[in-house]
Amino acid sequence: GSSLYLKKNKGFIDRHHLVTYCTIFVCEEGC
């Protein structure tokens, strides 16, 4: 995700820790 978003919300650690989303894919419907 956005490093700027993390910084604005005091969630930023460093430029390596930017993974903020996870998709659990089950079906194509509405993806």
PDB file of all heavy atoms in Angstrom:
ATOM      1  N   GLY A   1       0.826  -1.195   0.000  1.00  0.00           N
ATOM      2  CA  GLY A   1       0.000   0.000   0.000  1.00  0.00           C
ATOM      3  C   GLY A   1       0.865   1.250   0.000  1.00  0.00           C
ATOM      4  O   GLY A   1       2.078   1.188  -0.184  1.00  0.00           O
ATOM      5  N   SER A   2       0.248   2.380   0.229  1.00  0.00           N
ATOM      6  CA  SER A   2       0.915   3.672   0.177  1.00  0.00           C
ATOM      7  C   SER A   2       1.704   3.934   1.449  1.00  0.00           C
ATOM      8  O   SER A   2       1.157   3.864   2.554  1.00  0.00           O
ATOM      9  CB  SER A   2      -0.123   4.777  -0.031  1.00  0.00           C
ATOM     10  OG  SER A   2       0.405   6.032   0.281  1.00  0.00           O
ATOM     11  N   SER A   3       2.972   4.266   1.283  1.00  0.00           N
ATOM     12  CA  SER A   3       3.778   4.642   2.446  1.00  0.00           C
ATOM     13  C   SER A   3       3.243   5.933   3.062  1.00  0.00           C
ATOM     14  O   SER A   3       3.290   6.112   4.289  1.00  0.00           O
ATOM     15  CB  SER A   3       5.250   4.810   2.043  1.00  0.00           C
ATOM     16  OG  SER A   3       5.388   5.805   1.043  1.00  0.00           O
ATOM     17  N   LEU A   4       2.724   6.830   2.224  1.00  0.00           N
ATOM     18  CA  LEU A   4       2.184   8.091   2.733  1.00  0.00           C
ATOM     19  C   LEU A   4       0.973   7.840   3.628  1.00  0.00           C
ATOM     20  O   LEU A   4       0.819   8.474   4.678  1.00  0.00           O
ATOM     21  CB  LEU A   4       1.809   9.004   1.574  1.00  0.00           C
ATOM     22  CG  LEU A   4       1.433  10.439   1.938  1.00  0.00           C
ATOM     23  CD1 LEU A   4       2.599  11.139   2.602  1.00  0.00           C
ATOM     24  CD2 LEU A   4       0.980  11.202   0.706  1.00  0.00           C
ATOM     25  N   TYR A   5       0.117   6.897   3.233  1.00  0.00           N
ATOM     26  CA  TYR A   5      -1.046   6.557   4.057  1.00  0.00           C
ATOM     27  C   TYR A   5      -0.598   6.037   5.424  1.00  0.00           C
ATOM     28  O   TYR A   5      -1.155   6.411   6.461  1.00  0.00           O
ATOM     29  CB  TYR A   5      -1.892   5.492   3.342  1.00  0.00           C
ATOM     30  CG  TYR A   5      -2.983   4.894   4.204  1.00  0.00           C
ATOM     31  CD1 TYR A   5      -4.163   5.588   4.438  1.00  0.00           C
ATOM     32  CD2 TYR A   5      -2.835   3.635   4.781  1.00  0.00           C
ATOM     33  CE1 TYR A   5      -5.166   5.046   5.233  1.00  0.00           C
ATOM     34  CE2 TYR A   5      -3.824   3.089   5.577  1.00  0.00           C
ATOM     35  CZ  TYR A   5      -4.991   3.798   5.800  1.00  0.00           C
ATOM     36  OH  TYR A   5      -5.975   3.264   6.595  1.00  0.00           O
ATOM     37  N   LEU A   6       0.418   5.187   5.433  1.00  0.00           N
ATOM     38  CA  LEU A   6       0.926   4.655   6.701  1.00  0.00           C
ATOM     39  C   LEU A   6       1.519   5.763   7.560  1.00  0.00           C
ATOM     40  O   LEU A   6       1.315   5.786   8.782  1.00  0.00           O
ATOM     41  CB  LEU A   6       1.966   3.571   6.433  1.00  0.00           C
ATOM     42  CG  LEU A   6       1.441   2.264   5.830  1.00  0.00           C
ATOM     43  CD1 LEU A   6       2.595   1.347   5.458  1.00  0.00           C
ATOM     44  CD2 LEU A   6       0.492   1.557   6.800  1.00  0.00           C
ATOM     45  N   LYS A   7       2.249   6.668   6.941  1.00  0.00           N
ATOM     46  CA  LYS A   7       2.859   7.763   7.698  1.00  0.00           C
ATOM     47  C   LYS A   7       1.790   8.658   8.316  1.00  0.00           C
ATOM     48  O   LYS A   7       1.909   9.087   9.469  1.00  0.00           O
ATOM     49  CB  LYS A   7       3.773   8.577   6.790  1.00  0.00           C
ATOM     50  CG  LYS A   7       5.047   7.843   6.388  1.00  0.00           C
ATOM     51  CD  LYS A   7       5.808   8.604   5.317  1.00  0.00           C
ATOM     52  CE  LYS A   7       6.997   7.805   4.811  1.00  0.00           C
ATOM     53  NZ  LYS A   7       7.689   8.488   3.686  1.00  0.00           N
ATOM     54  N   LYS A   8       0.754   8.958   7.547  1.00  0.00           N
ATOM     55  CA  LYS A   8      -0.310   9.818   8.054  1.00  0.00           C
ATOM     56  C   LYS A   8      -1.004   9.218   9.267  1.00  0.00           C
ATOM     57  O   LYS A   8      -1.531   9.939  10.108  1.00  0.00           O
ATOM     58  CB  LYS A   8      -1.336  10.084   6.950  1.00  0.00           C
ATOM     59  CG  LYS A   8      -0.903  11.094   5.912  1.00  0.00           C
ATOM     60  CD  LYS A   8      -2.005  11.353   4.914  1.00  0.00           C
ATOM     61  CE  LYS A   8      -1.617  12.450   3.933  1.00  0.00           C
ATOM     62  NZ  LYS A   8      -2.688  12.713   2.942  1.00  0.00           N
ATOM     63  N   ASN A   9      -0.990   7.904   9.345  1.00  0.00           N
ATOM     64  CA  ASN A   9      -1.705   7.223  10.421  1.00  0.00           C
ATOM     65  C   ASN A   9      -0.784   6.537  11.415  1.00  0.00           C
ATOM     66  O   ASN A   9      -1.213   5.679  12.183  1.00  0.00           O
ATOM     67  CB  ASN A   9      -2.686   6.210   9.818  1.00  0.00           C
ATOM     68  CG  ASN A   9      -3.800   6.879   9.052  1.00  0.00           C
ATOM     69  OD1 ASN A   9      -4.723   7.432   9.639  1.00  0.00           O
ATOM     70  ND2 ASN A   9      -3.698   6.874   7.737  1.00  0.00           N
ATOM     71  N   LYS A  10       0.497   6.941  11.419  1.00  0.00           N
ATOM     72  CA  LYS A  10       1.508   6.422  12.341  1.00  0.00           C
ATOM     73  C   LYS A  10       1.601   4.901  12.275  1.00  0.00           C
ATOM     74  O   LYS A  10       1.829   4.227  13.276  1.00  0.00           O
ATOM     75  CB  LYS A  10       1.224   6.877  13.769  1.00  0.00           C
ATOM     76  CG  LYS A  10       1.642   8.314  14.036  1.00  0.00           C
ATOM     77  CD  LYS A  10       1.683   8.642  15.512  1.00  0.00           C
ATOM     78  CE  LYS A  10       2.273  10.038  15.717  1.00  0.00           C
ATOM     79  NZ  LYS A  10       2.310  10.413  17.155  1.00  0.00           N
ATOM     80  N   GLY A  11       1.437   4.372  11.066  1.00  0.00           N
ATOM     81  CA  GLY A  11       1.599   2.938  10.869  1.00  0.00           C
ATOM     82  C   GLY A  11       2.863   2.593  10.109  1.00  0.00           C
ATOM     83  O   GLY A  11       3.133   1.428   9.840  1.00  0.00           O
ATOM     84  N   PHE A  12       3.644   3.611   9.759  1.00  0.00           N
ATOM     85  CA  PHE A  12       4.842   3.403   8.944  1.00  0.00           C
ATOM     86  C   PHE A  12       5.992   2.887   9.794  1.00  0.00           C
ATOM     87  O   PHE A  12       6.275   3.409  10.867  1.00  0.00           O
ATOM     88  CB  PHE A  12       5.242   4.719   8.275  1.00  0.00           C
ATOM     89  CG  PHE A  12       6.423   4.607   7.351  1.00  0.00           C
ATOM     90  CD1 PHE A  12       6.278   4.075   6.084  1.00  0.00           C
ATOM     91  CD2 PHE A  12       7.675   5.041   7.747  1.00  0.00           C
ATOM     92  CE1 PHE A  12       7.354   3.982   5.219  1.00  0.00           C
ATOM     93  CE2 PHE A  12       8.761   4.958   6.898  1.00  0.00           C
ATOM     94  CZ  PHE A  12       8.609   4.425   5.629  1.00  0.00           C
ATOM     95  N   ILE A  13       6.656   1.820   9.310  1.00  0.00           N
ATOM     96  CA  ILE A  13       7.846   1.284   9.975  1.00  0.00           C
ATOM     97  C   ILE A  13       9.080   1.677   9.180  1.00  0.00           C
ATOM     98  O   ILE A  13       9.972   2.346   9.675  1.00  0.00           O
ATOM     99  CB  ILE A  13       7.747  -0.243  10.115  1.00  0.00           C
ATOM    100  CG1 ILE A  13       6.547  -0.625  11.002  1.00  0.00           C
ATOM    101  CG2 ILE A  13       9.045  -0.811  10.692  1.00  0.00           C
ATOM    102  CD1 ILE A  13       6.295  -2.113  11.095  1.00  0.00           C
ATOM    103  N   ASP A  14       9.142   1.232   7.936  1.00  0.00           N
ATOM    104  CA  ASP A  14      10.209   1.611   7.016  1.00  0.00           C
ATOM    105  C   ASP A  14       9.741   1.255   5.609  1.00  0.00           C
ATOM    106  O   ASP A  14       8.629   0.767   5.412  1.00  0.00           O
ATOM    107  CB  ASP A  14      11.541   0.913   7.366  1.00  0.00           C
ATOM    108  CG  ASP A  14      11.422  -0.599   7.430  1.00  0.00           C
ATOM    109  OD1 ASP A  14      10.707  -1.188   6.574  1.00  0.00           O
ATOM    110  OD2 ASP A  14      12.028  -1.212   8.319  1.00  0.00           O
ATOM    111  N   ARG A  15      10.613   1.488   4.623  1.00  0.00           N
ATOM    112  CA  ARG A  15      10.216   1.280   3.229  1.00  0.00           C
ATOM    113  C   ARG A  15      10.084  -0.192   2.848  1.00  0.00           C
ATOM    114  O   ARG A  15       9.622  -0.510   1.755  1.00  0.00           O
ATOM    115  CB  ARG A  15      11.224   1.978   2.305  1.00  0.00           C
ATOM    116  CG  ARG A  15      11.222   3.484   2.441  1.00  0.00           C
ATOM    117  CD  ARG A  15      12.142   4.146   1.428  1.00  0.00           C
ATOM    118  NE  ARG A  15      12.212   5.579   1.622  1.00  0.00           N
ATOM    119  CZ  ARG A  15      11.301   6.447   1.195  1.00  0.00           C
ATOM    120  NH1 ARG A  15      10.247   6.006   0.531  1.00  0.00           N
ATOM    121  NH2 ARG A  15      11.442   7.742   1.413  1.00  0.00           N
ATOM    122  N   HIS A  16      10.516  -1.084   3.730  1.00  0.00           N
ATOM    123  CA  HIS A  16      10.375  -2.512   3.456  1.00  0.00           C
ATOM    124  C   HIS A  16       9.015  -3.044   3.926  1.00  0.00           C
ATOM    125  O   HIS A  16       8.508  -4.029   3.389  1.00  0.00           O
ATOM    126  CB  HIS A  16      11.498  -3.302   4.133  1.00  0.00           C
ATOM    127  CG  HIS A  16      12.866  -2.903   3.704  1.00  0.00           C
ATOM    128  ND1 HIS A  16      13.353  -3.163   2.436  1.00  0.00           N
ATOM    129  CD2 HIS A  16      13.850  -2.235   4.354  1.00  0.00           C
ATOM    130  CE1 HIS A  16      14.579  -2.690   2.332  1.00  0.00           C
ATOM    131  NE2 HIS A  16      14.896  -2.124   3.469  1.00  0.00           N
ATOM    132  N   HIS A  17       8.439  -2.415   4.942  1.00  0.00           N
ATOM    133  CA  HIS A  17       7.173  -2.876   5.512  1.00  0.00           C
ATOM    134  C   HIS A  17       6.009  -2.087   4.926  1.00  0.00           C
ATOM    135  O   HIS A  17       5.488  -1.151   5.540  1.00  0.00           O
ATOM    136  CB  HIS A  17       7.201  -2.737   7.035  1.00  0.00           C
ATOM    137  CG  HIS A  17       8.110  -3.683   7.724  1.00  0.00           C
ATOM    138  ND1 HIS A  17       9.474  -3.502   7.766  1.00  0.00           N
ATOM    139  CD2 HIS A  17       7.851  -4.847   8.398  1.00  0.00           C
ATOM    140  CE1 HIS A  17      10.027  -4.495   8.437  1.00  0.00           C
ATOM    141  NE2 HIS A  17       9.073  -5.331   8.815  1.00  0.00           N
ATOM    142  N   LEU A  18       5.617  -2.461   3.710  1.00  0.00           N
ATOM    143  CA  LEU A  18       4.533  -1.762   3.022  1.00  0.00           C
ATOM    144  C   LEU A  18       3.356  -2.673   2.680  1.00  0.00           C
ATOM    145  O   LEU A  18       2.375  -2.224   2.080  1.00  0.00           O
ATOM    146  CB  LEU A  18       5.065  -1.114   1.736  1.00  0.00           C
ATOM    147  CG  LEU A  18       6.125  -0.019   1.908  1.00  0.00           C
ATOM    148  CD1 LEU A  18       6.573   0.482   0.535  1.00  0.00           C
ATOM    149  CD2 LEU A  18       5.596   1.140   2.744  1.00  0.00           C
ATOM    150  N   VAL A  19       3.424  -3.945   3.032  1.00  0.00           N
ATOM    151  CA  VAL A  19       2.332  -4.877   2.723  1.00  0.00           C
ATOM    152  C   VAL A  19       1.171  -4.604   3.661  1.00  0.00           C
ATOM    153  O   VAL A  19       1.282  -4.772   4.883  1.00  0.00           O
ATOM    154  CB  VAL A  19       2.798  -6.339   2.857  1.00  0.00           C
ATOM    155  CG1 VAL A  19       1.618  -7.287   2.619  1.00  0.00           C
ATOM    156  CG2 VAL A  19       3.923  -6.641   1.871  1.00  0.00           C
ATOM    157  N   THR A  20       0.044  -4.172   3.090  1.00  0.00           N
ATOM    158  CA  THR A  20      -1.120  -3.802   3.904  1.00  0.00           C
ATOM    159  C   THR A  20      -2.418  -4.465   3.434  1.00  0.00           C
ATOM    160  O   THR A  20      -3.456  -4.276   4.061  1.00  0.00           O
ATOM    161  CB  THR A  20      -1.323  -2.276   3.887  1.00  0.00           C
ATOM    162  OG1 THR A  20      -1.366  -1.816   2.526  1.00  0.00           O
ATOM    163  CG2 THR A  20      -0.191  -1.563   4.608  1.00  0.00           C
ATOM    164  N   TYR A  21      -2.375  -5.217   2.338  1.00  0.00           N
ATOM    165  CA  TYR A  21      -3.579  -5.848   1.798  1.00  0.00           C
ATOM    166  C   TYR A  21      -3.381  -7.352   1.652  1.00  0.00           C
ATOM    167  O   TYR A  21      -2.276  -7.821   1.360  1.00  0.00           O
ATOM    168  CB  TYR A  21      -3.934  -5.276   0.425  1.00  0.00           C
ATOM    169  CG  TYR A  21      -4.213  -3.796   0.420  1.00  0.00           C
ATOM    170  CD1 TYR A  21      -3.225  -2.883   0.031  1.00  0.00           C
ATOM    171  CD2 TYR A  21      -5.462  -3.299   0.792  1.00  0.00           C
ATOM    172  CE1 TYR A  21      -3.472  -1.518   0.019  1.00  0.00           C
ATOM    173  CE2 TYR A  21      -5.714  -1.934   0.779  1.00  0.00           C
ATOM    174  CZ  TYR A  21      -4.716  -1.053   0.394  1.00  0.00           C
ATOM    175  OH  TYR A  21      -4.970   0.292   0.386  1.00  0.00           O
ATOM    176  N   CYS A  22      -4.467  -8.090   1.839  1.00  0.00           N
ATOM    177  CA  CYS A  22      -4.449  -9.534   1.604  1.00  0.00           C
ATOM    178  C   CYS A  22      -5.735  -9.927   0.892  1.00  0.00           C
ATOM    179  O   CYS A  22      -6.834  -9.532   1.306  1.00  0.00           O
ATOM    180  CB  CYS A  22      -4.333 -10.293   2.921  1.00  0.00           C
ATOM    181  SG  CYS A  22      -4.412 -12.095   2.750  1.00  0.00           S
ATOM    182  N   THR A  23      -5.593 -10.669  -0.197  1.00  0.00           N
ATOM    183  CA  THR A  23      -6.752 -11.183  -0.932  1.00  0.00           C
ATOM    184  C   THR A  23      -6.830 -12.688  -0.757  1.00  0.00           C
ATOM    185  O   THR A  23      -5.867 -13.405  -1.023  1.00  0.00           O
ATOM    186  CB  THR A  23      -6.654 -10.852  -2.431  1.00  0.00           C
ATOM    187  OG1 THR A  23      -6.599  -9.436  -2.603  1.00  0.00           O
ATOM    188  CG2 THR A  23      -7.862 -11.404  -3.183  1.00  0.00           C
ATOM    189  N   ILE A  24      -7.980 -13.152  -0.305  1.00  0.00           N
ATOM    190  CA  ILE A  24      -8.242 -14.590  -0.174  1.00  0.00           C
ATOM    191  C   ILE A  24      -9.194 -14.943  -1.306  1.00  0.00           C
ATOM    192  O   ILE A  24     -10.406 -14.715  -1.225  1.00  0.00           O
ATOM    193  CB  ILE A  24      -8.851 -14.918   1.205  1.00  0.00           C
ATOM    194  CG1 ILE A  24      -7.919 -14.379   2.316  1.00  0.00           C
ATOM    195  CG2 ILE A  24      -9.061 -16.412   1.373  1.00  0.00           C
ATOM    196  CD1 ILE A  24      -8.546 -14.362   3.687  1.00  0.00           C
ATOM    197  N   PHE A  25      -8.630 -15.480  -2.374  1.00  0.00           N
ATOM    198  CA  PHE A  25      -9.394 -15.706  -3.602  1.00  0.00           C
ATOM    199  C   PHE A  25     -10.153 -17.030  -3.538  1.00  0.00           C
ATOM    200  O   PHE A  25      -9.579 -18.099  -3.346  1.00  0.00           O
ATOM    201  CB  PHE A  25      -8.447 -15.722  -4.801  1.00  0.00           C
ATOM    202  CG  PHE A  25      -9.110 -16.137  -6.083  1.00  0.00           C
ATOM    203  CD1 PHE A  25     -10.073 -15.328  -6.666  1.00  0.00           C
ATOM    204  CD2 PHE A  25      -8.785 -17.347  -6.687  1.00  0.00           C
ATOM    205  CE1 PHE A  25     -10.695 -15.711  -7.849  1.00  0.00           C
ATOM    206  CE2 PHE A  25      -9.400 -17.734  -7.859  1.00  0.00           C
ATOM    207  CZ  PHE A  25     -10.359 -16.921  -8.449  1.00  0.00           C
ATOM    208  N   VAL A  26     -11.493 -16.925  -3.708  1.00  0.00           N
ATOM    209  CA  VAL A  26     -12.336 -18.119  -3.691  1.00  0.00           C
ATOM    210  C   VAL A  26     -13.100 -18.270  -5.000  1.00  0.00           C
ATOM    211  O   VAL A  26     -13.206 -19.368  -5.550  1.00  0.00           O
ATOM    212  CB  VAL A  26     -13.324 -18.075  -2.502  1.00  0.00           C
ATOM    213  CG1 VAL A  26     -14.311 -19.248  -2.561  1.00  0.00           C
ATOM    214  CG2 VAL A  26     -12.556 -18.092  -1.180  1.00  0.00           C
ATOM    215  N   CYS A  27     -13.645 -17.160  -5.505  1.00  0.00           N
ATOM    216  CA  CYS A  27     -14.440 -17.228  -6.728  1.00  0.00           C
ATOM    217  C   CYS A  27     -14.274 -15.943  -7.538  1.00  0.00           C
ATOM    218  O   CYS A  27     -13.870 -14.911  -7.011  1.00  0.00           O
ATOM    219  CB  CYS A  27     -15.913 -17.447  -6.397  1.00  0.00           C
ATOM    220  SG  CYS A  27     -16.653 -16.130  -5.410  1.00  0.00           S
ATOM    221  N   GLU A  28     -14.599 -16.014  -8.817  1.00  0.00           N
ATOM    222  CA  GLU A  28     -14.458 -14.866  -9.722  1.00  0.00           C
ATOM    223  C   GLU A  28     -15.579 -13.846  -9.548  1.00  0.00           C
ATOM    224  O   GLU A  28     -15.436 -12.689  -9.923  1.00  0.00           O
ATOM    225  CB  GLU A  28     -14.455 -15.353 -11.181  1.00  0.00           C
ATOM    226  CG  GLU A  28     -13.269 -16.229 -11.555  1.00  0.00           C
ATOM    227  CD  GLU A  28     -12.039 -15.406 -11.918  1.00  0.00           C
ATOM    228  OE1 GLU A  28     -12.118 -14.157 -11.823  1.00  0.00           O
ATOM    229  OE2 GLU A  28     -11.021 -16.002 -12.281  1.00  0.00           O
ATOM    230  N   GLU A  29     -16.690 -14.257  -8.983  1.00  0.00           N
ATOM    231  CA  GLU A  29     -17.877 -13.411  -8.897  1.00  0.00           C
ATOM    232  C   GLU A  29     -17.589 -12.111  -8.145  1.00  0.00           C
ATOM    233  O   GLU A  29     -17.222 -12.121  -6.965  1.00  0.00           O
ATOM    234  CB  GLU A  29     -19.002 -14.170  -8.185  1.00  0.00           C
ATOM    235  CG  GLU A  29     -20.354 -13.480  -8.207  1.00  0.00           C
ATOM    236  CD  GLU A  29     -21.027 -13.564  -9.573  1.00  0.00           C
ATOM    237  OE1 GLU A  29     -20.730 -14.503 -10.319  1.00  0.00           O
ATOM    238  OE2 GLU A  29     -21.847 -12.684  -9.869  1.00  0.00           O
ATOM    239  N   GLY A  30     -17.734 -10.978  -8.834  1.00  0.00           N
ATOM    240  CA  GLY A  30     -17.581  -9.678  -8.189  1.00  0.00           C
ATOM    241  C   GLY A  30     -16.172  -9.314  -7.789  1.00  0.00           C
ATOM    242  O   GLY A  30     -15.984  -8.398  -6.980  1.00  0.00           O
ATOM    243  N   CYS A  31     -15.184 -10.008  -8.342  1.00  0.00           N
ATOM    244  CA  CYS A  31     -13.799  -9.741  -7.955  1.00  0.00           C
ATOM    245  C   CYS A  31     -13.397  -8.307  -8.297  1.00  0.00           C
ATOM    246  O   CYS A  31     -13.785  -7.767  -9.317  1.00  0.00           O
ATOM    247  CB  CYS A  31     -12.846 -10.706  -8.660  1.00  0.00           C
ATOM    248  SG  CYS A  31     -12.530 -12.209  -7.725  1.00  0.00           S
TER     249      CYS A  31
END
